[in-house]
Amino acid sequence: MSTSLLLLSDTHLPKRARALPEEVWTAVDAADLVVHAGDWVDEATLDALDARAARLIGVFGNNDGPELRARLPEVARFVVDGLRFAVVHETGSAAGREQRADAAYPDTDVLVFGHSHIPWDSVSPAGLRLLNPGSPTDRRRQPECTMMTARVEDGALSDVRIVPVAR
């Protein structure tokens, strides 16, 4: 069994962009599962992704108001082919992130997070994979906007890629 993943975060619509770039929609159409790590900002983005994605899992972020917080959890957990995922918006500063994640998510194989707009792919001392897709609409201090793709195959995460998104 193989499951294709699209990881998104920090879309900040319509404040940082008017709409998701077409590259993102193409990736949504190709993915078996879309994961959004918060800071949607508007409900229309949640509704559009929910209508178009084969499956959508998301959490709220610090810039999401009461309407989104009523519809989304702070932390989402799910399993794909035996691989245990958690999604959260904020993990704190980069220093010590892996150790904090190990303590906070001991029964997790992959932690997807956002907030910084900085793509991140690391492995904690306990073997937890930490992934931040960056932002497809607000590059902040990065050279380009980004999203992330990955695959779960035979219970293992593979083919993790940071994908540049044109603005």
N, C-alpha and C. Protein backbone atom coordinates (compact mmCIF):
# COMPACT_ATOMS: atom_id res chain seq x y z
N MET A 1 0.84 -1.19 0.00
CA MET A 1 0.00 0.00 0.00
C MET A 1 0.88 1.24 0.00
N SER A 2 0.48 2.25 -0.74
CA SER A 2 1.23 3.50 -0.83
C SER A 2 0.25 4.67 -0.71
N THR A 3 0.59 5.62 0.14
CA THR A 3 -0.24 6.80 0.35
C THR A 3 0.60 8.04 0.09
N SER A 4 0.14 8.91 -0.82
CA SER A 4 0.85 10.15 -1.09
C SER A 4 0.32 11.25 -0.19
N LEU A 5 1.23 12.04 0.38
CA LEU A 5 0.89 13.10 1.32
C LEU A 5 1.29 14.46 0.74
N LEU A 6 0.46 15.46 1.01
CA LEU A 6 0.81 16.85 0.78
C LEU A 6 0.74 17.54 2.14
N LEU A 7 1.83 18.17 2.54
CA LEU A 7 1.89 18.88 3.81
C LEU A 7 1.91 20.38 3.54
N LEU A 8 1.00 21.09 4.21
CA LEU A 8 0.88 22.54 4.08
C LEU A 8 0.84 23.17 5.46
N SER A 9 1.16 24.44 5.52
CA SER A 9 0.99 25.21 6.74
C SER A 9 1.03 26.69 6.39
N ASP A 10 0.52 27.50 7.28
CA ASP A 10 0.67 28.95 7.20
C ASP A 10 0.26 29.51 5.84
N THR A 11 -0.95 29.18 5.43
CA THR A 11 -1.46 29.71 4.16
C THR A 11 -1.89 31.18 4.30
N HIS A 12 -2.35 31.58 5.47
CA HIS A 12 -2.62 33.00 5.78
C HIS A 12 -3.46 33.71 4.72
N LEU A 13 -4.50 33.05 4.25
CA LEU A 13 -5.36 33.67 3.24
C LEU A 13 -6.54 34.40 3.90
N PRO A 14 -6.92 35.53 3.41
CA PRO A 14 -6.41 36.25 2.24
C PRO A 14 -5.39 37.33 2.60
N LYS A 15 -4.76 37.24 3.76
CA LYS A 15 -3.86 38.31 4.20
C LYS A 15 -2.51 38.30 3.48
N ARG A 16 -1.92 37.14 3.29
CA ARG A 16 -0.58 37.07 2.67
C ARG A 16 -0.64 36.78 1.17
N ALA A 17 -1.77 36.30 0.71
CA ALA A 17 -2.01 36.05 -0.71
C ALA A 17 -3.52 36.04 -0.91
N ARG A 18 -3.96 36.26 -2.12
CA ARG A 18 -5.40 36.26 -2.39
C ARG A 18 -5.95 34.85 -2.52
N ALA A 19 -5.10 33.93 -3.00
CA ALA A 19 -5.54 32.56 -3.23
C ALA A 19 -4.34 31.63 -3.15
N LEU A 20 -4.62 30.34 -2.99
CA LEU A 20 -3.54 29.36 -3.05
C LEU A 20 -3.01 29.29 -4.47
N PRO A 21 -1.70 29.20 -4.64
CA PRO A 21 -1.13 29.08 -5.99
C PRO A 21 -1.63 27.81 -6.68
N GLU A 22 -1.69 27.85 -7.99
CA GLU A 22 -2.17 26.70 -8.78
C GLU A 22 -1.34 25.45 -8.51
N GLU A 23 -0.04 25.62 -8.25
CA GLU A 23 0.82 24.47 -7.92
C GLU A 23 0.30 23.72 -6.70
N VAL A 24 -0.22 24.46 -5.75
CA VAL A 24 -0.76 23.82 -4.54
C VAL A 24 -2.00 23.02 -4.91
N TRP A 25 -2.89 23.60 -5.70
CA TRP A 25 -4.11 22.88 -6.09
C TRP A 25 -3.78 21.62 -6.89
N THR A 26 -2.77 21.69 -7.75
CA THR A 26 -2.35 20.50 -8.50
C THR A 26 -1.86 19.42 -7.54
N ALA A 27 -1.10 19.83 -6.53
CA ALA A 27 -0.60 18.87 -5.53
C ALA A 27 -1.75 18.31 -4.68
N VAL A 28 -2.74 19.15 -4.36
CA VAL A 28 -3.92 18.68 -3.63
C VAL A 28 -4.62 17.58 -4.42
N ASP A 29 -4.80 17.82 -5.71
CA ASP A 29 -5.48 16.84 -6.57
C ASP A 29 -4.71 15.53 -6.65
N ALA A 30 -3.39 15.57 -6.55
CA ALA A 30 -2.56 14.37 -6.69
C ALA A 30 -2.41 13.60 -5.38
N ALA A 31 -2.69 14.23 -4.25
CA ALA A 31 -2.44 13.61 -2.94
C ALA A 31 -3.59 12.74 -2.47
N ASP A 32 -3.24 11.67 -1.79
CA ASP A 32 -4.24 10.84 -1.11
C ASP A 32 -4.67 11.49 0.20
N LEU A 33 -3.76 12.26 0.81
CA LEU A 33 -4.02 12.89 2.09
C LEU A 33 -3.33 14.25 2.13
N VAL A 34 -4.10 15.30 2.48
CA VAL A 34 -3.56 16.64 2.66
C VAL A 34 -3.57 16.94 4.15
N VAL A 35 -2.43 17.41 4.66
CA VAL A 35 -2.28 17.76 6.07
C VAL A 35 -1.94 19.24 6.15
N HIS A 36 -2.71 19.99 6.95
CA HIS A 36 -2.48 21.44 7.10
C HIS A 36 -2.20 21.71 8.58
N ALA A 37 -1.02 22.31 8.84
CA ALA A 37 -0.56 22.54 10.21
C ALA A 37 -0.90 23.93 10.74
N GLY A 38 -2.02 24.50 10.31
CA GLY A 38 -2.54 25.70 10.95
C GLY A 38 -2.14 27.02 10.33
N ASP A 39 -2.77 28.07 10.84
CA ASP A 39 -2.73 29.43 10.31
C ASP A 39 -3.33 29.48 8.91
N TRP A 40 -4.58 29.03 8.86
CA TRP A 40 -5.40 29.14 7.65
C TRP A 40 -5.81 30.60 7.47
N VAL A 41 -6.25 31.22 8.56
CA VAL A 41 -6.75 32.58 8.73
C VAL A 41 -8.22 32.71 8.30
N ASP A 42 -8.60 32.14 7.17
CA ASP A 42 -10.02 32.23 6.80
C ASP A 42 -10.65 30.85 6.64
N GLU A 43 -11.92 30.78 6.92
CA GLU A 43 -12.64 29.51 6.79
C GLU A 43 -12.79 29.08 5.33
N ALA A 44 -12.77 30.02 4.41
CA ALA A 44 -12.93 29.68 3.00
C ALA A 44 -11.82 28.74 2.52
N THR A 45 -10.61 28.91 3.05
CA THR A 45 -9.51 28.02 2.67
C THR A 45 -9.75 26.62 3.19
N LEU A 46 -10.19 26.50 4.42
CA LEU A 46 -10.55 25.20 4.98
C LEU A 46 -11.64 24.55 4.14
N ASP A 47 -12.68 25.30 3.82
CA ASP A 47 -13.80 24.75 3.05
C ASP A 47 -13.35 24.31 1.66
N ALA A 48 -12.51 25.11 1.01
CA ALA A 48 -12.05 24.77 -0.34
C ALA A 48 -11.16 23.54 -0.34
N LEU A 49 -10.24 23.46 0.61
CA LEU A 49 -9.39 22.28 0.69
C LEU A 49 -10.20 21.04 1.06
N ASP A 50 -11.14 21.20 1.98
CA ASP A 50 -11.97 20.08 2.39
C ASP A 50 -12.80 19.55 1.23
N ALA A 51 -13.28 20.44 0.37
CA ALA A 51 -14.10 20.03 -0.78
C ALA A 51 -13.27 19.35 -1.86
N ARG A 52 -12.01 19.73 -1.97
CA ARG A 52 -11.20 19.24 -3.10
C ARG A 52 -10.27 18.09 -2.74
N ALA A 53 -9.79 18.02 -1.50
CA ALA A 53 -8.85 16.98 -1.11
C ALA A 53 -9.55 15.63 -0.97
N ALA A 54 -8.83 14.57 -1.32
CA ALA A 54 -9.37 13.22 -1.11
C ALA A 54 -9.61 13.00 0.38
N ARG A 55 -8.68 13.50 1.21
CA ARG A 55 -8.81 13.43 2.67
C ARG A 55 -8.02 14.61 3.22
N LEU A 56 -8.56 15.30 4.20
CA LEU A 56 -7.91 16.47 4.79
C LEU A 56 -7.86 16.32 6.30
N ILE A 57 -6.68 16.60 6.85
CA ILE A 57 -6.50 16.65 8.30
C ILE A 57 -5.83 17.98 8.60
N GLY A 58 -6.36 18.72 9.57
CA GLY A 58 -5.79 20.02 9.89
C GLY A 58 -5.96 20.38 11.35
N VAL A 59 -5.22 21.39 11.76
CA VAL A 59 -5.27 21.94 13.11
C VAL A 59 -5.36 23.46 13.01
N PHE A 60 -5.72 24.12 14.10
CA PHE A 60 -5.72 25.58 14.09
C PHE A 60 -4.35 26.09 14.50
N GLY A 61 -4.07 27.33 14.07
CA GLY A 61 -2.83 28.00 14.45
C GLY A 61 -3.10 29.24 15.25
N ASN A 62 -2.05 29.94 15.64
CA ASN A 62 -2.18 31.11 16.50
C ASN A 62 -2.90 32.27 15.83
N ASN A 63 -2.93 32.31 14.49
CA ASN A 63 -3.63 33.39 13.77
C ASN A 63 -5.05 33.02 13.38
N ASP A 64 -5.52 31.86 13.81
CA ASP A 64 -6.86 31.41 13.45
C ASP A 64 -7.86 31.82 14.53
N GLY A 65 -8.95 32.41 14.08
CA GLY A 65 -9.96 32.94 14.99
C GLY A 65 -10.89 31.88 15.54
N PRO A 66 -11.91 32.32 16.26
CA PRO A 66 -12.82 31.40 16.95
C PRO A 66 -13.58 30.45 16.03
N GLU A 67 -13.89 30.90 14.81
CA GLU A 67 -14.62 30.03 13.89
C GLU A 67 -13.78 28.81 13.50
N LEU A 68 -12.51 29.04 13.18
CA LEU A 68 -11.63 27.93 12.82
C LEU A 68 -11.31 27.08 14.05
N ARG A 69 -11.12 27.71 15.19
CA ARG A 69 -10.84 26.95 16.41
C ARG A 69 -12.01 26.06 16.81
N ALA A 70 -13.21 26.47 16.45
CA ALA A 70 -14.39 25.64 16.75
C ALA A 70 -14.46 24.42 15.83
N ARG A 71 -13.83 24.50 14.68
CA ARG A 71 -13.91 23.42 13.69
C ARG A 71 -12.69 22.50 13.68
N LEU A 72 -11.57 22.97 14.23
CA LEU A 72 -10.31 22.23 14.14
C LEU A 72 -9.71 22.01 15.52
N PRO A 73 -8.98 20.91 15.71
CA PRO A 73 -8.31 20.68 16.99
C PRO A 73 -6.97 21.42 17.06
N GLU A 74 -6.45 21.52 18.26
CA GLU A 74 -5.10 22.07 18.44
C GLU A 74 -4.05 21.05 17.99
N VAL A 75 -4.33 19.78 18.27
CA VAL A 75 -3.45 18.67 17.87
C VAL A 75 -4.32 17.62 17.18
N ALA A 76 -3.87 17.14 16.05
CA ALA A 76 -4.57 16.05 15.35
C ALA A 76 -3.64 14.84 15.32
N ARG A 77 -4.22 13.68 15.52
CA ARG A 77 -3.45 12.43 15.45
C ARG A 77 -4.14 11.50 14.48
N PHE A 78 -3.34 10.78 13.71
CA PHE A 78 -3.89 9.80 12.76
C PHE A 78 -2.80 8.78 12.44
N VAL A 79 -3.22 7.68 11.84
CA VAL A 79 -2.31 6.61 11.48
C VAL A 79 -2.48 6.30 10.00
N VAL A 80 -1.36 6.17 9.31
CA VAL A 80 -1.36 5.76 7.90
C VAL A 80 -0.47 4.53 7.79
N ASP A 81 -1.07 3.41 7.44
CA ASP A 81 -0.32 2.16 7.25
C ASP A 81 0.59 1.85 8.44
N GLY A 82 0.06 2.06 9.64
CA GLY A 82 0.80 1.76 10.86
C GLY A 82 1.72 2.87 11.33
N LEU A 83 1.94 3.90 10.53
CA LEU A 83 2.80 5.02 10.91
C LEU A 83 1.97 6.05 11.66
N ARG A 84 2.40 6.40 12.87
CA ARG A 84 1.64 7.29 13.75
C ARG A 84 2.07 8.74 13.55
N PHE A 85 1.10 9.58 13.18
CA PHE A 85 1.33 11.01 12.93
C PHE A 85 0.67 11.85 14.00
N ALA A 86 1.27 13.02 14.26
CA ALA A 86 0.63 14.08 15.03
C ALA A 86 0.86 15.37 14.25
N VAL A 87 -0.11 16.29 14.34
CA VAL A 87 -0.01 17.59 13.68
C VAL A 87 -0.30 18.65 14.72
N VAL A 88 0.52 19.68 14.76
CA VAL A 88 0.35 20.80 15.68
C VAL A 88 0.91 22.04 14.99
N HIS A 89 0.44 23.20 15.38
CA HIS A 89 0.96 24.40 14.72
C HIS A 89 2.32 24.81 15.27
N GLU A 90 2.42 24.97 16.59
CA GLU A 90 3.63 25.52 17.19
C GLU A 90 4.40 24.47 17.97
N THR A 91 5.74 24.52 17.84
CA THR A 91 6.61 23.63 18.62
C THR A 91 7.66 24.41 19.40
N GLY A 92 7.58 25.73 19.38
CA GLY A 92 8.56 26.54 20.08
C GLY A 92 9.79 26.81 19.22
N SER A 93 10.82 27.32 19.85
CA SER A 93 12.04 27.71 19.12
C SER A 93 12.75 26.49 18.56
N ALA A 94 13.60 26.74 17.57
CA ALA A 94 14.34 25.66 16.93
C ALA A 94 15.28 24.97 17.93
N ALA A 95 15.88 25.75 18.82
CA ALA A 95 16.79 25.17 19.81
C ALA A 95 16.02 24.24 20.75
N GLY A 96 16.42 23.00 20.80
CA GLY A 96 15.79 22.02 21.68
C GLY A 96 14.48 21.45 21.16
N ARG A 97 14.11 21.76 19.93
CA ARG A 97 12.83 21.31 19.38
C ARG A 97 12.69 19.80 19.41
N GLU A 98 13.71 19.08 18.98
CA GLU A 98 13.61 17.62 18.92
C GLU A 98 13.38 17.01 20.30
N GLN A 99 14.08 17.50 21.30
CA GLN A 99 13.92 16.97 22.65
C GLN A 99 12.53 17.28 23.21
N ARG A 100 12.03 18.50 22.97
CA ARG A 100 10.68 18.85 23.41
C ARG A 100 9.64 17.99 22.71
N ALA A 101 9.83 17.74 21.43
CA ALA A 101 8.89 16.91 20.67
C ALA A 101 8.89 15.47 21.18
N ASP A 102 10.07 14.95 21.50
CA ASP A 102 10.14 13.60 22.06
C ASP A 102 9.32 13.50 23.34
N ALA A 103 9.42 14.52 24.19
CA ALA A 103 8.69 14.51 25.47
C ALA A 103 7.19 14.69 25.25
N ALA A 104 6.81 15.54 24.30
CA ALA A 104 5.39 15.86 24.11
C ALA A 104 4.64 14.83 23.26
N TYR A 105 5.37 14.12 22.40
CA TYR A 105 4.72 13.19 21.45
C TYR A 105 5.42 11.82 21.48
N PRO A 106 5.42 11.16 22.64
CA PRO A 106 6.18 9.91 22.76
C PRO A 106 5.63 8.75 21.92
N ASP A 107 4.36 8.77 21.60
CA ASP A 107 3.76 7.68 20.83
C ASP A 107 3.52 8.11 19.38
N THR A 108 4.47 8.84 18.81
CA THR A 108 4.33 9.40 17.47
C THR A 108 5.58 9.07 16.67
N ASP A 109 5.38 8.76 15.39
CA ASP A 109 6.50 8.51 14.49
C ASP A 109 6.86 9.74 13.67
N VAL A 110 5.84 10.55 13.30
CA VAL A 110 6.05 11.74 12.46
C VAL A 110 5.25 12.89 13.06
N LEU A 111 5.91 14.02 13.30
CA LEU A 111 5.27 15.23 13.78
C LEU A 111 5.32 16.28 12.68
N VAL A 112 4.14 16.73 12.25
CA VAL A 112 4.04 17.80 11.25
C VAL A 112 3.69 19.08 12.00
N PHE A 113 4.43 20.16 11.74
CA PHE A 113 4.19 21.42 12.44
C PHE A 113 4.40 22.58 11.49
N GLY A 114 4.06 23.78 11.94
CA GLY A 114 4.19 24.98 11.14
C GLY A 114 4.72 26.13 11.95
N HIS A 115 4.12 27.29 11.79
CA HIS A 115 4.33 28.52 12.53
C HIS A 115 5.52 29.35 12.04
N SER A 116 6.67 28.76 11.84
CA SER A 116 7.87 29.53 11.52
C SER A 116 7.97 29.95 10.05
N HIS A 117 7.24 29.29 9.17
CA HIS A 117 7.34 29.46 7.72
C HIS A 117 8.69 28.98 7.19
N ILE A 118 9.43 28.27 8.01
CA ILE A 118 10.75 27.76 7.64
C ILE A 118 10.66 26.25 7.45
N PRO A 119 10.93 25.74 6.25
CA PRO A 119 10.91 24.29 6.06
C PRO A 119 11.89 23.59 7.01
N TRP A 120 11.45 22.44 7.51
CA TRP A 120 12.25 21.73 8.51
C TRP A 120 12.06 20.24 8.31
N ASP A 121 13.15 19.50 8.36
CA ASP A 121 13.11 18.04 8.29
C ASP A 121 14.25 17.53 9.16
N SER A 122 13.90 16.97 10.30
CA SER A 122 14.91 16.45 11.20
C SER A 122 14.39 15.20 11.91
N VAL A 123 15.28 14.54 12.60
CA VAL A 123 14.92 13.34 13.37
C VAL A 123 15.41 13.56 14.80
N SER A 124 14.52 13.32 15.75
CA SER A 124 14.84 13.52 17.16
C SER A 124 15.72 12.38 17.68
N PRO A 125 16.29 12.55 18.89
CA PRO A 125 17.07 11.47 19.47
C PRO A 125 16.29 10.16 19.63
N ALA A 126 14.97 10.26 19.82
CA ALA A 126 14.14 9.05 19.98
C ALA A 126 13.67 8.50 18.63
N GLY A 127 14.03 9.16 17.52
CA GLY A 127 13.64 8.67 16.21
C GLY A 127 12.39 9.30 15.63
N LEU A 128 11.84 10.33 16.28
CA LEU A 128 10.66 11.04 15.79
C LEU A 128 11.07 11.93 14.62
N ARG A 129 10.37 11.80 13.50
CA ARG A 129 10.64 12.64 12.33
C ARG A 129 9.83 13.92 12.47
N LEU A 130 10.47 15.08 12.37
CA LEU A 130 9.81 16.37 12.48
C LEU A 130 9.82 17.05 11.11
N LEU A 131 8.63 17.44 10.64
CA LEU A 131 8.48 18.03 9.32
C LEU A 131 7.69 19.33 9.38
N ASN A 132 8.25 20.38 8.82
CA ASN A 132 7.56 21.65 8.65
C ASN A 132 7.61 21.99 7.17
N PRO A 133 6.44 22.10 6.52
CA PRO A 133 6.44 22.37 5.07
C PRO A 133 6.74 23.82 4.69
N GLY A 134 6.90 24.71 5.65
CA GLY A 134 7.05 26.13 5.33
C GLY A 134 5.69 26.71 4.97
N SER A 135 5.66 27.71 4.10
CA SER A 135 4.41 28.34 3.69
C SER A 135 4.38 28.48 2.18
N PRO A 136 3.24 28.12 1.55
CA PRO A 136 3.14 28.28 0.11
C PRO A 136 2.76 29.70 -0.33
N THR A 137 2.51 30.59 0.65
CA THR A 137 2.05 31.94 0.31
C THR A 137 2.88 33.06 0.94
N ASP A 138 3.72 32.74 1.94
CA ASP A 138 4.47 33.77 2.65
C ASP A 138 5.86 33.23 2.99
N ARG A 139 6.84 33.58 2.19
CA ARG A 139 8.17 33.01 2.37
C ARG A 139 8.92 33.57 3.58
N ARG A 140 8.39 34.65 4.12
CA ARG A 140 9.01 35.32 5.27
C ARG A 140 10.49 35.56 4.99
N ARG A 141 11.40 34.96 5.74
CA ARG A 141 12.84 35.17 5.53
C ARG A 141 13.47 34.09 4.65
N GLN A 142 12.64 33.29 4.02
CA GLN A 142 13.15 32.20 3.18
C GLN A 142 13.31 32.67 1.74
N PRO A 143 14.13 31.97 0.96
CA PRO A 143 14.31 32.39 -0.44
C PRO A 143 13.08 32.16 -1.32
N GLU A 144 12.19 31.24 -0.89
CA GLU A 144 11.00 30.95 -1.69
C GLU A 144 9.89 30.38 -0.81
N CYS A 145 8.68 30.44 -1.32
CA CYS A 145 7.55 29.79 -0.66
C CYS A 145 7.69 28.28 -0.87
N THR A 146 7.13 27.50 0.06
CA THR A 146 7.29 26.05 -0.04
C THR A 146 6.06 25.29 0.46
N MET A 147 6.01 24.04 0.04
CA MET A 147 5.11 23.02 0.58
C MET A 147 5.95 21.75 0.64
N MET A 148 5.40 20.67 1.14
CA MET A 148 6.16 19.43 1.27
C MET A 148 5.31 18.27 0.78
N THR A 149 5.95 17.33 0.11
CA THR A 149 5.29 16.09 -0.28
C THR A 149 6.05 14.93 0.35
N ALA A 150 5.34 13.82 0.52
CA ALA A 150 5.95 12.61 1.08
C ALA A 150 5.09 11.43 0.69
N ARG A 151 5.57 10.26 1.03
CA ARG A 151 4.85 9.03 0.74
C ARG A 151 4.98 8.11 1.94
N VAL A 152 3.91 7.40 2.25
CA VAL A 152 3.96 6.33 3.24
C VAL A 152 3.79 5.03 2.47
N GLU A 153 4.78 4.17 2.61
CA GLU A 153 4.76 2.90 1.89
C GLU A 153 5.26 1.80 2.82
N ASP A 154 4.46 0.76 2.94
CA ASP A 154 4.81 -0.37 3.81
C ASP A 154 5.15 0.09 5.22
N GLY A 155 4.40 1.06 5.74
CA GLY A 155 4.58 1.52 7.11
C GLY A 155 5.77 2.42 7.33
N ALA A 156 6.38 2.92 6.26
CA ALA A 156 7.55 3.79 6.39
C ALA A 156 7.34 5.08 5.59
N LEU A 157 7.89 6.17 6.12
CA LEU A 157 7.85 7.45 5.43
C LEU A 157 8.99 7.51 4.43
N SER A 158 8.69 7.92 3.21
CA SER A 158 9.73 8.01 2.19
C SER A 158 9.47 9.19 1.28
N ASP A 159 10.45 9.46 0.45
CA ASP A 159 10.33 10.45 -0.62
C ASP A 159 9.86 11.81 -0.09
N VAL A 160 10.39 12.23 1.06
CA VAL A 160 10.04 13.54 1.63
C VAL A 160 10.75 14.62 0.82
N ARG A 161 9.96 15.58 0.31
CA ARG A 161 10.53 16.63 -0.53
C ARG A 161 9.96 18.00 -0.15
N ILE A 162 10.85 18.94 -0.03
CA ILE A 162 10.44 20.34 0.10
C ILE A 162 10.26 20.86 -1.33
N VAL A 163 9.07 21.34 -1.63
CA VAL A 163 8.73 21.72 -2.99
C VAL A 163 8.59 23.25 -3.06
N PRO A 164 9.39 23.92 -3.87
CA PRO A 164 9.25 25.36 -4.04
C PRO A 164 7.90 25.67 -4.70
N VAL A 165 7.31 26.79 -4.28
CA VAL A 165 6.03 27.24 -4.84
C VAL A 165 6.23 28.64 -5.40
N ALA A 166 5.94 28.79 -6.69
CA ALA A 166 6.09 30.11 -7.32
C ALA A 166 4.99 31.04 -6.85
N ARG A 167 5.32 32.29 -6.67
CA ARG A 167 4.32 33.30 -6.27
C ARG A 167 4.10 34.26 -7.40
